[in-house]
Amino acid sequence: MPETTRFAPSPTGLLHLGHAFAAITAHAAAGQGRFLLRIEDLDRGRSRDRYVAAIFEDLAWLGLTWEEPVLRQSSRYDAYRLALEKLEQLGVLYPCFCSRREIADEVARAVEAPHAPPLDTSIYPGTCRELSRFEREQRIAAGERFTIRLDAQKASAICGALTFETLSAPSGNGFHGKRQTVEVKPLLFGDVVLARKDMPAAYHLAVVVDDAFQGVTLVTRGSDLFTATHLHRVLQSVLGLPPPRYAHHRLIVDDSGMKFSKRNQAVTLRSLRESGVTPAQIRERVGLGLCAP
């Protein structure tokens, strides 16, 4: 069945073997459908045009083709602003004035309390959620820095029970794993940041808005983003966006079992290409030898 899939790297460094696996997998999963390339360049402090050019070069070398024009998130600020305005109208956003240190300290105090439930240190404890409208406006007028967070409880009440469909176990020619319907846990990520002063939309908001805009029908990505899918389904539901299906694939790791990093120049596609490695050898190395371009 033809699908619309996408590969969406950030231009903050050179692509590595893990990116090659993800890109080839998404390309194969499209079948005779559409394969899109999206540049996630919202982090203007770290994004570089030279890395955008390198992404094009590496993917073409692997034998992949994609639709033009390529979407860049830096051209989508108006769309993210409209999404935030809709969420604001629904009453599921609030400003957060906490620093990272303040959040960590509050989480630590809650964990140490004898009758407090255990909290994941990555989940915001809701410090600013109950501030009055007057106090919020006063602090903003005073020039305090703040982020915009999703009120997960209110969003959950609006969207109700949700599920998403996922596939697993990619083979050489795409995904052939068993379909699974997963019940969404809307509070899994807590009150995540959706925007801040130097970034008009955080990853979680931008990705659901752009997937809907581009008509993506199948999102292929690593198993480390499986839990993020719960949050994305909540945002899709509240914003009234059509949900795609998902396919979560294995991660490509080094000999120590760690994910590859852009800091590890030895495994970048450019360094491997310059050392004489061929695209076919790249496919073999990431376990996709049967996946022809």
Protein backbone atom coordinates (compact mmCIF):
# COMPACT_ATOMS: atom_id res chain seq x y z
CA MET A 1 0.00 0.00 0.00
CA PRO A 2 1.52 3.38 -1.01
CA GLU A 3 2.27 5.59 1.98
CA THR A 4 3.51 9.11 2.56
CA THR A 5 6.54 8.92 4.83
CA ARG A 6 9.21 11.40 5.82
CA PHE A 7 12.75 11.72 7.10
CA ALA A 8 13.23 14.84 9.21
CA PRO A 9 16.81 15.47 10.36
CA SER A 10 18.09 18.53 12.22
CA PRO A 11 20.97 20.36 10.47
CA THR A 12 23.13 20.55 13.58
CA GLY A 13 25.82 18.13 12.43
CA LEU A 14 26.68 15.49 9.86
CA LEU A 15 24.46 12.45 9.35
CA HIS A 16 25.70 9.15 10.79
CA LEU A 17 24.85 5.45 10.48
CA GLY A 18 21.74 5.79 12.63
CA HIS A 19 20.41 8.46 10.30
CA ALA A 20 21.17 6.25 7.30
CA PHE A 21 19.10 3.42 8.78
CA ALA A 22 16.18 5.76 9.58
CA ALA A 23 16.22 7.40 6.14
CA ILE A 24 16.47 4.13 4.20
CA THR A 25 13.72 2.59 6.33
CA ALA A 26 11.36 5.53 5.79
CA HIS A 27 12.12 5.54 2.06
CA ALA A 28 11.36 1.82 1.76
CA ALA A 29 8.18 2.10 3.85
CA ALA A 30 6.74 4.60 1.37
CA GLY A 31 6.51 1.83 -1.21
CA GLN A 32 5.29 3.43 -4.43
CA GLY A 33 4.00 6.41 -2.46
CA ARG A 34 5.66 9.67 -1.39
CA PHE A 35 8.92 10.05 0.51
CA LEU A 36 9.43 13.52 1.97
CA LEU A 37 12.53 15.19 3.35
CA ARG A 38 11.93 17.82 6.04
CA ILE A 39 14.64 19.98 7.61
CA GLU A 40 13.93 20.54 11.31
CA ASP A 41 15.90 23.76 11.74
CA LEU A 42 14.00 25.42 14.59
CA ASP A 43 17.13 25.50 16.72
CA ARG A 44 18.60 28.57 15.04
CA GLY A 45 21.52 28.67 17.45
CA ARG A 46 22.86 25.30 16.26
CA SER A 47 21.42 24.86 12.75
CA ARG A 48 23.81 25.50 9.87
CA ASP A 49 23.17 25.73 6.11
CA ARG A 50 26.32 23.71 5.45
CA TYR A 51 24.74 20.79 7.27
CA VAL A 52 21.58 21.14 5.16
CA ALA A 53 23.76 20.80 2.06
CA ALA A 54 25.51 17.81 3.62
CA ILE A 55 22.15 16.11 4.31
CA PHE A 56 21.20 16.40 0.63
CA GLU A 57 24.60 15.08 -0.43
CA ASP A 58 24.56 12.10 1.95
CA LEU A 59 21.01 11.00 1.10
CA ALA A 60 21.63 11.28 -2.64
CA TRP A 61 24.80 9.20 -2.21
CA LEU A 62 22.72 6.52 -0.46
CA GLY A 63 20.52 6.40 -3.58
CA LEU A 64 17.44 8.04 -2.03
CA THR A 65 15.14 10.46 -3.85
CA TRP A 66 12.54 12.76 -2.34
CA GLU A 67 9.89 15.25 -3.32
CA GLU A 68 10.76 18.87 -3.94
CA PRO A 69 10.57 21.46 -2.55
CA VAL A 70 12.01 20.40 0.78
CA LEU A 71 10.10 21.83 3.75
CA ARG A 72 12.14 23.76 6.30
CA GLN A 73 10.56 24.36 9.69
CA SER A 74 12.09 27.83 9.82
CA SER A 75 9.53 28.79 7.14
CA ARG A 76 6.59 27.57 9.23
CA TYR A 77 6.50 30.03 12.13
CA ASP A 78 3.03 31.32 11.22
CA ALA A 79 1.59 27.79 11.27
CA TYR A 80 3.02 27.12 14.72
CA ARG A 81 1.71 30.45 15.99
CA LEU A 82 -1.80 29.57 14.79
CA ALA A 83 -1.58 26.18 16.53
CA LEU A 84 -0.52 27.85 19.76
CA GLU A 85 -3.36 30.34 19.45
CA LYS A 86 -5.86 27.50 19.11
CA LEU A 87 -4.44 25.74 22.16
CA GLU A 88 -4.57 29.02 24.07
CA GLN A 89 -8.23 29.49 23.15
CA LEU A 90 -8.95 25.99 24.44
CA GLY A 91 -7.30 26.89 27.75
CA VAL A 92 -4.65 24.16 27.68
CA LEU A 93 -1.55 26.39 27.80
CA TYR A 94 0.12 28.33 30.58
CA PRO A 95 3.35 30.32 31.02
CA CYS A 96 6.08 28.73 33.13
CA PHE A 97 8.65 30.97 34.83
CA CYS A 98 10.72 28.18 36.39
CA SER A 99 14.39 27.72 35.63
CA ARG A 100 15.72 24.22 35.03
CA ARG A 101 17.35 24.31 38.46
CA GLU A 102 14.08 25.27 40.16
CA ILE A 103 12.28 22.41 38.44
CA ALA A 104 14.98 19.92 39.48
CA ASP A 105 14.87 21.15 43.09
CA GLU A 106 11.09 20.79 43.30
CA VAL A 107 11.16 17.30 41.84
CA ALA A 108 13.84 16.32 44.37
CA ARG A 109 11.78 17.66 47.29
CA ALA A 110 8.71 15.76 46.11
CA VAL A 111 10.62 12.50 45.83
CA GLU A 112 12.08 12.92 49.30
CA ALA A 113 8.67 13.54 50.91
CA PRO A 114 7.63 10.39 52.81
CA HIS A 115 4.15 10.13 51.30
CA ALA A 116 4.80 11.65 47.88
CA PRO A 117 4.48 9.45 44.78
CA PRO A 118 7.71 8.86 42.89
CA LEU A 119 8.27 11.36 40.08
CA ASP A 120 10.31 10.95 36.93
CA THR A 121 12.93 13.71 36.97
CA SER A 122 12.07 14.55 33.35
CA ILE A 123 8.45 15.41 34.20
CA TYR A 124 7.68 18.99 35.16
CA PRO A 125 5.95 19.04 38.58
CA GLY A 126 3.46 21.77 37.67
CA THR A 127 4.90 24.60 39.76
CA CYS A 128 3.39 27.40 37.65
CA ARG A 129 0.20 25.62 36.64
CA GLU A 130 -1.89 27.10 39.47
CA LEU A 131 -0.70 30.70 39.21
CA SER A 132 -3.56 33.16 38.90
CA ARG A 133 -4.10 35.01 35.67
CA PHE A 134 -3.22 38.24 37.45
CA GLU A 135 0.12 36.89 38.71
CA ARG A 136 0.98 35.52 35.26
CA GLU A 137 0.27 38.87 33.63
CA GLN A 138 2.24 40.74 36.28
CA ARG A 139 5.31 38.55 35.87
CA ILE A 140 5.19 38.76 32.07
CA ALA A 141 4.82 42.55 32.25
CA ALA A 142 7.83 42.66 34.57
CA GLY A 143 9.92 41.04 31.84
CA GLU A 144 10.44 37.62 33.42
CA ARG A 145 11.56 34.91 31.00
CA PHE A 146 9.02 32.15 30.49
CA THR A 147 8.17 29.13 28.40
CA ILE A 148 4.75 27.97 27.20
CA ARG A 149 3.65 24.62 28.61
CA LEU A 150 0.80 22.26 27.79
CA ASP A 151 -1.62 21.61 30.64
CA ALA A 152 -1.76 17.85 30.14
CA GLN A 153 -4.70 17.35 32.52
CA LYS A 154 -6.90 19.83 30.67
CA ALA A 155 -5.83 18.54 27.28
CA SER A 156 -6.61 14.99 28.36
CA ALA A 157 -10.09 16.02 29.48
CA ILE A 158 -10.76 17.52 26.05
CA CYS A 159 -9.52 14.64 23.92
CA GLY A 160 -10.81 11.73 26.01
CA ALA A 161 -9.68 8.16 25.35
CA LEU A 162 -7.24 7.81 22.46
CA THR A 163 -5.27 5.08 20.72
CA PHE A 164 -2.63 4.88 18.02
CA GLU A 165 -1.63 2.14 15.63
CA THR A 166 1.98 1.05 15.42
CA LEU A 167 4.03 -1.47 13.47
CA SER A 168 7.38 -2.95 14.37
CA ALA A 169 10.14 -5.18 13.03
CA PRO A 170 11.29 -3.63 9.73
CA SER A 171 12.67 -6.10 7.24
CA GLY A 172 14.92 -5.38 4.29
CA ASN A 173 11.97 -4.09 2.26
CA GLY A 174 9.93 -2.23 4.85
CA PHE A 175 7.78 -2.95 7.91
CA HIS A 176 6.26 -6.40 8.18
CA GLY A 177 5.68 -6.57 11.93
CA LYS A 178 2.36 -7.14 13.63
CA ARG A 179 -0.01 -4.19 13.85
CA GLN A 180 -0.64 -3.12 17.41
CA THR A 181 -3.25 -0.74 18.81
CA VAL A 182 -1.86 1.16 21.78
CA GLU A 183 -3.95 2.96 24.38
CA VAL A 184 -2.67 6.50 24.83
CA LYS A 185 -1.42 7.60 28.24
CA PRO A 186 -1.98 11.36 28.00
CA LEU A 187 -0.07 12.27 31.17
CA LEU A 188 3.03 10.27 30.33
CA PHE A 189 5.10 13.37 29.50
CA GLY A 190 3.46 15.74 31.94
CA ASP A 191 3.23 19.43 31.07
CA VAL A 192 5.78 19.68 28.27
CA VAL A 193 7.20 22.90 26.84
CA LEU A 194 5.62 23.75 23.48
CA ALA A 195 7.34 27.09 22.82
CA ARG A 196 9.81 29.55 24.29
CA LYS A 197 11.11 32.99 23.46
CA ASP A 198 13.97 31.82 21.25
CA MET A 199 12.01 29.00 19.62
CA PRO A 200 8.47 29.56 18.25
CA ALA A 201 7.60 25.89 18.61
CA ALA A 202 9.24 22.97 20.36
CA TYR A 203 9.73 19.66 18.56
CA HIS A 204 6.55 18.04 19.87
CA LEU A 205 4.27 20.77 18.53
CA ALA A 206 6.09 21.38 15.25
CA VAL A 207 6.23 17.72 14.28
CA VAL A 208 2.47 17.09 14.59
CA VAL A 209 1.60 20.33 12.78
CA ASP A 210 4.00 19.58 9.93
CA ASP A 211 3.05 15.90 9.58
CA ALA A 212 -0.58 16.94 9.13
CA PHE A 213 0.32 19.75 6.71
CA GLN A 214 2.39 17.42 4.53
CA GLY A 215 -0.16 14.60 4.55
CA VAL A 216 2.14 12.07 6.22
CA THR A 217 0.28 8.77 6.59
CA LEU A 218 3.03 6.67 8.20
CA VAL A 219 5.59 8.03 10.66
CA THR A 220 8.65 5.79 10.88
CA ARG A 221 11.07 6.49 13.72
CA GLY A 222 13.21 4.92 16.40
CA SER A 223 11.84 2.98 19.33
CA ASP A 224 13.26 5.66 21.65
CA LEU A 225 10.43 7.95 20.46
CA PHE A 226 7.67 5.43 21.19
CA THR A 227 6.62 7.23 24.38
CA ALA A 228 6.55 10.59 22.55
CA THR A 229 3.82 9.18 20.32
CA HIS A 230 1.44 9.27 23.31
CA LEU A 231 1.94 13.03 23.60
CA HIS A 232 1.69 13.56 19.84
CA ARG A 233 -1.68 11.83 19.69
CA VAL A 234 -2.97 14.17 22.42
CA LEU A 235 -1.81 17.22 20.48
CA GLN A 236 -3.28 15.88 17.23
CA SER A 237 -6.62 15.30 18.92
CA VAL A 238 -6.82 18.69 20.62
CA LEU A 239 -5.75 20.51 17.44
CA GLY A 240 -8.14 18.48 15.28
CA LEU A 241 -5.35 17.04 13.12
CA PRO A 242 -5.59 13.67 11.33
CA PRO A 243 -3.46 11.03 13.05
CA PRO A 244 -0.97 9.05 10.96
CA ARG A 245 -0.02 5.46 11.67
CA TYR A 246 3.33 4.80 13.31
CA ALA A 247 6.15 2.35 12.85
CA HIS A 248 8.82 2.22 15.55
CA HIS A 249 12.06 0.60 14.48
CA ARG A 250 15.16 -0.59 16.28
CA LEU A 251 18.05 1.74 17.00
CA ILE A 252 21.48 1.45 15.44
CA VAL A 253 24.07 1.35 18.23
CA ASP A 254 27.83 1.13 18.54
CA ASP A 255 29.82 -1.77 19.98
CA SER A 256 29.13 -0.54 23.52
CA GLY A 257 25.38 -0.46 22.94
CA MET A 258 25.17 3.35 22.78
CA LYS A 259 23.28 5.31 20.12
CA PHE A 260 25.46 6.95 17.53
CA SER A 261 26.12 10.65 18.04
CA LYS A 262 26.86 13.48 15.63
CA ARG A 263 29.94 14.14 17.75
CA ASN A 264 31.38 10.76 16.69
CA GLN A 265 32.97 11.74 13.39
CA ALA A 266 34.16 8.17 12.71
CA VAL A 267 30.64 7.01 11.86
CA THR A 268 29.42 10.02 9.87
CA LEU A 269 28.36 9.15 6.36
CA ARG A 270 30.79 11.70 4.96
CA SER A 271 33.81 10.14 6.71
CA LEU A 272 32.73 6.63 5.71
CA ARG A 273 32.22 7.72 2.09
CA GLU A 274 35.60 9.43 2.01
CA SER A 275 37.23 6.27 3.39
CA GLY A 276 35.89 4.25 0.43
CA VAL A 277 32.77 2.68 1.96
CA THR A 278 29.98 2.17 -0.60
CA PRO A 279 26.23 2.76 -0.16
CA ALA A 280 25.69 -1.02 -0.41
CA GLN A 281 28.14 -1.56 2.44
CA ILE A 282 26.30 1.05 4.52
CA ARG A 283 23.06 -0.88 4.01
CA GLU A 284 24.76 -4.12 5.00
CA ARG A 285 26.29 -2.52 8.06
CA VAL A 286 22.93 -1.30 9.40
CA GLY A 287 21.20 -4.61 8.58
CA LEU A 288 19.29 -3.49 5.49
CA GLY A 289 21.23 -5.27 2.81
CA LEU A 290 18.04 -6.33 0.99
CA CYS A 291 16.71 -2.79 0.90
CA ALA A 292 17.66 -1.63 -2.57
CA PRO A 293 17.48 2.08 -3.49
